[in-house]
Amino acid sequence: MLARFLAAAAAAGATLLLVTPPGLAAQAPLPAPVERGLAALAKGDAAGAVNEWTATWKAAEDSAKRQNLAASLQNFADAAGTLRGHDVARVVDVTPNLKRVYILLRFDDQPLYLLLVTYRPERDWQVTAVNWHTDAVRVFPLALLEGGAPVR
């Protein structure tokens, strides 16, 4: 059918303008620490994932935060089964140096909704906040869940 349409348009001397949709935000490259953490998680290494995401955290209390995050993620994985993959739901470029990365972690028995806030003070990206929950509304913006207007 498309071939007939194109042939008829060409015979009529019409000019055809092809328009493609813009790339989705979720297709944007992920900051390196996000990628490395997801790779560690794919290997079953919850502590390695958290270490990648929190590598630049230097405050005195950050070591305890890191341990709590790793234990929490490992406990969830133990209860929810094998991680089968992840879906990047959206990458929001807040500014050229600040991104919010929304990810669905697909475990056997239950999904986990993950938000990583990334910041680039100069050349390299770092994760400044890690948030996850089994309730999507506590992590993802409502507009993202409703499939409405783009998340901003």
C-alpha atoms as a PDB file:
ATOM      1  CA  MET A   1       0.000   0.000   0.000  1.00  0.00           C
ATOM      2  CA  LEU A   2       2.827   2.387   0.832  1.00  0.00           C
ATOM      3  CA  ALA A   3       4.509   1.636  -2.487  1.00  0.00           C
ATOM      4  CA  ARG A   4       1.322   2.585  -4.382  1.00  0.00           C
ATOM      5  CA  PHE A   5       0.990   5.787  -2.378  1.00  0.00           C
ATOM      6  CA  LEU A   6       4.593   6.757  -3.079  1.00  0.00           C
ATOM      7  CA  ALA A   7       4.226   5.955  -6.788  1.00  0.00           C
ATOM      8  CA  ALA A   8       1.038   8.036  -7.032  1.00  0.00           C
ATOM      9  CA  ALA A   9       2.648  10.914  -5.156  1.00  0.00           C
ATOM     10  CA  ALA A  10       5.674  10.812  -7.454  1.00  0.00           C
ATOM     11  CA  ALA A  11       3.448  10.705 -10.569  1.00  0.00           C
ATOM     12  CA  ALA A  12       1.593  13.775  -9.316  1.00  0.00           C
ATOM     13  CA  GLY A  13       4.875  15.583  -8.845  1.00  0.00           C
ATOM     14  CA  ALA A  14       4.432  15.781  -5.074  1.00  0.00           C
ATOM     15  CA  THR A  15       7.318  16.357  -2.760  1.00  0.00           C
ATOM     16  CA  LEU A  16       7.462  13.939   0.127  1.00  0.00           C
ATOM     17  CA  LEU A  17       8.814  15.060   3.472  1.00  0.00           C
ATOM     18  CA  LEU A  18       9.714  12.239   5.814  1.00  0.00           C
ATOM     19  CA  VAL A  19       9.532  13.114   9.467  1.00  0.00           C
ATOM     20  CA  THR A  20      10.873  10.824  12.154  1.00  0.00           C
ATOM     21  CA  PRO A  21      10.041  11.121  15.828  1.00  0.00           C
ATOM     22  CA  PRO A  22      12.670  12.648  18.083  1.00  0.00           C
ATOM     23  CA  GLY A  23      14.744  10.258  20.167  1.00  0.00           C
ATOM     24  CA  LEU A  24      13.165   9.328  23.440  1.00  0.00           C
ATOM     25  CA  ALA A  25      14.805  10.576  26.615  1.00  0.00           C
ATOM     26  CA  ALA A  26      15.141   6.992  27.799  1.00  0.00           C
ATOM     27  CA  GLN A  27      17.425   6.356  24.808  1.00  0.00           C
ATOM     28  CA  ALA A  28      20.001   8.895  25.959  1.00  0.00           C
ATOM     29  CA  PRO A  29      23.348   7.500  27.062  1.00  0.00           C
ATOM     30  CA  LEU A  30      23.459   6.823  30.775  1.00  0.00           C
ATOM     31  CA  PRO A  31      26.132   8.399  32.958  1.00  0.00           C
ATOM     32  CA  ALA A  32      29.040   5.984  33.470  1.00  0.00           C
ATOM     33  CA  PRO A  33      28.468   5.263  37.197  1.00  0.00           C
ATOM     34  CA  VAL A  34      24.845   4.356  36.441  1.00  0.00           C
ATOM     35  CA  GLU A  35      25.959   1.913  33.730  1.00  0.00           C
ATOM     36  CA  ARG A  36      28.651   0.362  35.943  1.00  0.00           C
ATOM     37  CA  GLY A  37      26.218  -0.089  38.829  1.00  0.00           C
ATOM     38  CA  LEU A  38      23.619  -1.728  36.589  1.00  0.00           C
ATOM     39  CA  ALA A  39      26.324  -4.051  35.215  1.00  0.00           C
ATOM     40  CA  ALA A  40      27.302  -5.078  38.759  1.00  0.00           C
ATOM     41  CA  LEU A  41      23.656  -5.634  39.652  1.00  0.00           C
ATOM     42  CA  ALA A  42      23.188  -7.799  36.553  1.00  0.00           C
ATOM     43  CA  LYS A  43      25.954 -10.049  37.932  1.00  0.00           C
ATOM     44  CA  GLY A  44      24.108 -10.344  41.262  1.00  0.00           C
ATOM     45  CA  ASP A  45      26.471  -7.962  43.041  1.00  0.00           C
ATOM     46  CA  ALA A  46      24.225  -5.583  44.997  1.00  0.00           C
ATOM     47  CA  ALA A  47      27.149  -4.251  47.051  1.00  0.00           C
ATOM     48  CA  GLY A  48      29.154  -3.637  43.873  1.00  0.00           C
ATOM     49  CA  ALA A  49      26.243  -1.707  42.351  1.00  0.00           C
ATOM     50  CA  VAL A  50      25.882   0.467  45.434  1.00  0.00           C
ATOM     51  CA  ASN A  51      29.654   1.003  45.544  1.00  0.00           C
ATOM     52  CA  GLU A  52      29.592   2.256  41.947  1.00  0.00           C
ATOM     53  CA  TRP A  53      26.688   4.588  42.642  1.00  0.00           C
ATOM     54  CA  THR A  54      28.172   5.965  45.865  1.00  0.00           C
ATOM     55  CA  ALA A  55      31.875   6.031  44.946  1.00  0.00           C
ATOM     56  CA  THR A  56      32.133   9.809  45.326  1.00  0.00           C
ATOM     57  CA  TRP A  57      30.279  10.007  48.637  1.00  0.00           C
ATOM     58  CA  LYS A  58      32.921  11.191  51.108  1.00  0.00           C
ATOM     59  CA  ALA A  59      31.111  12.427  54.247  1.00  0.00           C
ATOM     60  CA  ALA A  60      31.697  10.567  57.519  1.00  0.00           C
ATOM     61  CA  GLU A  61      28.162   9.147  57.558  1.00  0.00           C
ATOM     62  CA  ASP A  62      28.323   7.992  53.924  1.00  0.00           C
ATOM     63  CA  SER A  63      30.000   4.688  54.770  1.00  0.00           C
ATOM     64  CA  ALA A  64      27.022   3.704  56.929  1.00  0.00           C
ATOM     65  CA  LYS A  65      24.602   4.893  54.214  1.00  0.00           C
ATOM     66  CA  ARG A  66      26.461   2.780  51.661  1.00  0.00           C
ATOM     67  CA  GLN A  67      26.271  -0.322  53.877  1.00  0.00           C
ATOM     68  CA  ASN A  68      22.557   0.216  54.541  1.00  0.00           C
ATOM     69  CA  LEU A  69      21.810   0.682  50.842  1.00  0.00           C
ATOM     70  CA  ALA A  70      23.750  -2.466  49.895  1.00  0.00           C
ATOM     71  CA  ALA A  71      22.074  -4.544  52.631  1.00  0.00           C
ATOM     72  CA  SER A  72      18.631  -3.246  51.677  1.00  0.00           C
ATOM     73  CA  LEU A  73      19.140  -4.004  47.991  1.00  0.00           C
ATOM     74  CA  GLN A  74      20.530  -7.472  48.742  1.00  0.00           C
ATOM     75  CA  ASN A  75      17.610  -8.235  51.090  1.00  0.00           C
ATOM     76  CA  PHE A  76      15.158  -7.191  48.396  1.00  0.00           C
ATOM     77  CA  ALA A  77      16.933  -9.331  45.798  1.00  0.00           C
ATOM     78  CA  ASP A  78      16.911 -12.318  48.157  1.00  0.00           C
ATOM     79  CA  ALA A  79      13.147 -11.965  48.611  1.00  0.00           C
ATOM     80  CA  ALA A  80      12.175 -10.970  45.057  1.00  0.00           C
ATOM     81  CA  GLY A  81      14.156 -13.546  43.104  1.00  0.00           C
ATOM     82  CA  THR A  82      16.583 -13.213  40.241  1.00  0.00           C
ATOM     83  CA  LEU A  83      17.080  -9.899  38.491  1.00  0.00           C
ATOM     84  CA  ARG A  84      15.922 -10.500  34.910  1.00  0.00           C
ATOM     85  CA  GLY A  85      16.985  -7.130  33.557  1.00  0.00           C
ATOM     86  CA  HIS A  86      16.174  -3.469  33.732  1.00  0.00           C
ATOM     87  CA  ASP A  87      14.251  -0.907  31.731  1.00  0.00           C
ATOM     88  CA  VAL A  88      15.313   2.703  31.610  1.00  0.00           C
ATOM     89  CA  ALA A  89      11.964   4.431  31.953  1.00  0.00           C
ATOM     90  CA  ARG A  90      13.221   7.967  31.480  1.00  0.00           C
ATOM     91  CA  VAL A  91      16.337  10.082  31.651  1.00  0.00           C
ATOM     92  CA  VAL A  92      15.478  13.661  32.509  1.00  0.00           C
ATOM     93  CA  ASP A  93      18.114  16.219  31.598  1.00  0.00           C
ATOM     94  CA  VAL A  94      17.385  18.799  34.275  1.00  0.00           C
ATOM     95  CA  THR A  95      20.398  20.814  33.114  1.00  0.00           C
ATOM     96  CA  PRO A  96      23.395  19.818  30.973  1.00  0.00           C
ATOM     97  CA  ASN A  97      25.093  18.726  34.218  1.00  0.00           C
ATOM     98  CA  LEU A  98      22.189  17.227  36.170  1.00  0.00           C
ATOM     99  CA  LYS A  99      20.171  14.157  35.207  1.00  0.00           C
ATOM    100  CA  ARG A 100      17.447  12.158  36.911  1.00  0.00           C
ATOM    101  CA  VAL A 101      17.520   8.516  35.765  1.00  0.00           C
ATOM    102  CA  TYR A 102      14.361   6.448  36.345  1.00  0.00           C
ATOM    103  CA  ILE A 103      14.851   2.688  36.053  1.00  0.00           C
ATOM    104  CA  LEU A 104      12.628  -0.357  36.488  1.00  0.00           C
ATOM    105  CA  LEU A 105      14.543  -3.333  37.917  1.00  0.00           C
ATOM    106  CA  ARG A 106      12.770  -6.525  36.777  1.00  0.00           C
ATOM    107  CA  PHE A 107      13.047  -9.192  39.474  1.00  0.00           C
ATOM    108  CA  ASP A 108      11.202 -12.528  39.268  1.00  0.00           C
ATOM    109  CA  ASP A 109       8.558 -11.826  41.881  1.00  0.00           C
ATOM    110  CA  GLN A 110       8.344  -8.051  42.097  1.00  0.00           C
ATOM    111  CA  PRO A 111       9.639  -4.957  40.335  1.00  0.00           C
ATOM    112  CA  LEU A 112      11.816  -2.393  42.046  1.00  0.00           C
ATOM    113  CA  TYR A 113      11.615   1.253  40.992  1.00  0.00           C
ATOM    114  CA  LEU A 114      14.936   3.086  41.078  1.00  0.00           C
ATOM    115  CA  LEU A 115      15.883   6.745  40.811  1.00  0.00           C
ATOM    116  CA  LEU A 116      19.491   7.823  40.475  1.00  0.00           C
ATOM    117  CA  VAL A 117      20.257  11.537  40.528  1.00  0.00           C
ATOM    118  CA  THR A 118      23.488  12.243  38.687  1.00  0.00           C
ATOM    119  CA  TYR A 119      25.614  15.366  38.632  1.00  0.00           C
ATOM    120  CA  ARG A 120      28.620  16.413  36.585  1.00  0.00           C
ATOM    121  CA  PRO A 121      30.622  19.172  38.306  1.00  0.00           C
ATOM    122  CA  GLU A 122      33.230  19.156  35.533  1.00  0.00           C
ATOM    123  CA  ARG A 123      34.074  16.174  33.340  1.00  0.00           C
ATOM    124  CA  ASP A 124      32.932  13.048  35.189  1.00  0.00           C
ATOM    125  CA  TRP A 125      29.447  12.075  36.308  1.00  0.00           C
ATOM    126  CA  GLN A 126      28.682  11.097  39.879  1.00  0.00           C
ATOM    127  CA  VAL A 127      25.546   9.821  41.592  1.00  0.00           C
ATOM    128  CA  THR A 128      24.369  12.183  44.300  1.00  0.00           C
ATOM    129  CA  ALA A 129      21.188  10.396  45.377  1.00  0.00           C
ATOM    130  CA  VAL A 130      19.865   6.831  45.267  1.00  0.00           C
ATOM    131  CA  ASN A 131      16.201   6.080  45.880  1.00  0.00           C
ATOM    132  CA  TRP A 132      14.260   2.872  45.361  1.00  0.00           C
ATOM    133  CA  HIS A 133      10.953   1.449  46.420  1.00  0.00           C
ATOM    134  CA  THR A 134       8.479  -1.275  45.478  1.00  0.00           C
ATOM    135  CA  ASP A 135       5.762   1.368  45.100  1.00  0.00           C
ATOM    136  CA  ALA A 136       6.312   3.215  41.826  1.00  0.00           C
ATOM    137  CA  VAL A 137       4.506   6.328  43.082  1.00  0.00           C
ATOM    138  CA  ARG A 138       7.183   6.826  45.737  1.00  0.00           C
ATOM    139  CA  VAL A 139       9.962   6.994  43.130  1.00  0.00           C
ATOM    140  CA  PHE A 140       8.583   7.844  39.682  1.00  0.00           C
ATOM    141  CA  PRO A 141       6.784  11.121  38.905  1.00  0.00           C
ATOM    142  CA  LEU A 142       3.047  10.686  38.427  1.00  0.00           C
ATOM    143  CA  ALA A 143       3.233  12.006  34.858  1.00  0.00           C
ATOM    144  CA  LEU A 144       5.643   9.214  33.963  1.00  0.00           C
ATOM    145  CA  LEU A 145       3.349   6.561  35.429  1.00  0.00           C
ATOM    146  CA  GLU A 146       0.242   7.966  33.752  1.00  0.00           C
ATOM    147  CA  GLY A 147       1.943   8.135  30.364  1.00  0.00           C
ATOM    148  CA  GLY A 148       0.901  11.761  30.087  1.00  0.00           C
ATOM    149  CA  ALA A 149       3.041  14.790  29.540  1.00  0.00           C
ATOM    150  CA  PRO A 150       6.802  14.317  29.504  1.00  0.00           C
ATOM    151  CA  VAL A 151       8.484  14.424  32.882  1.00  0.00           C
ATOM    152  CA  ARG A 152      10.261  17.729  33.393  1.00  0.00           C
END
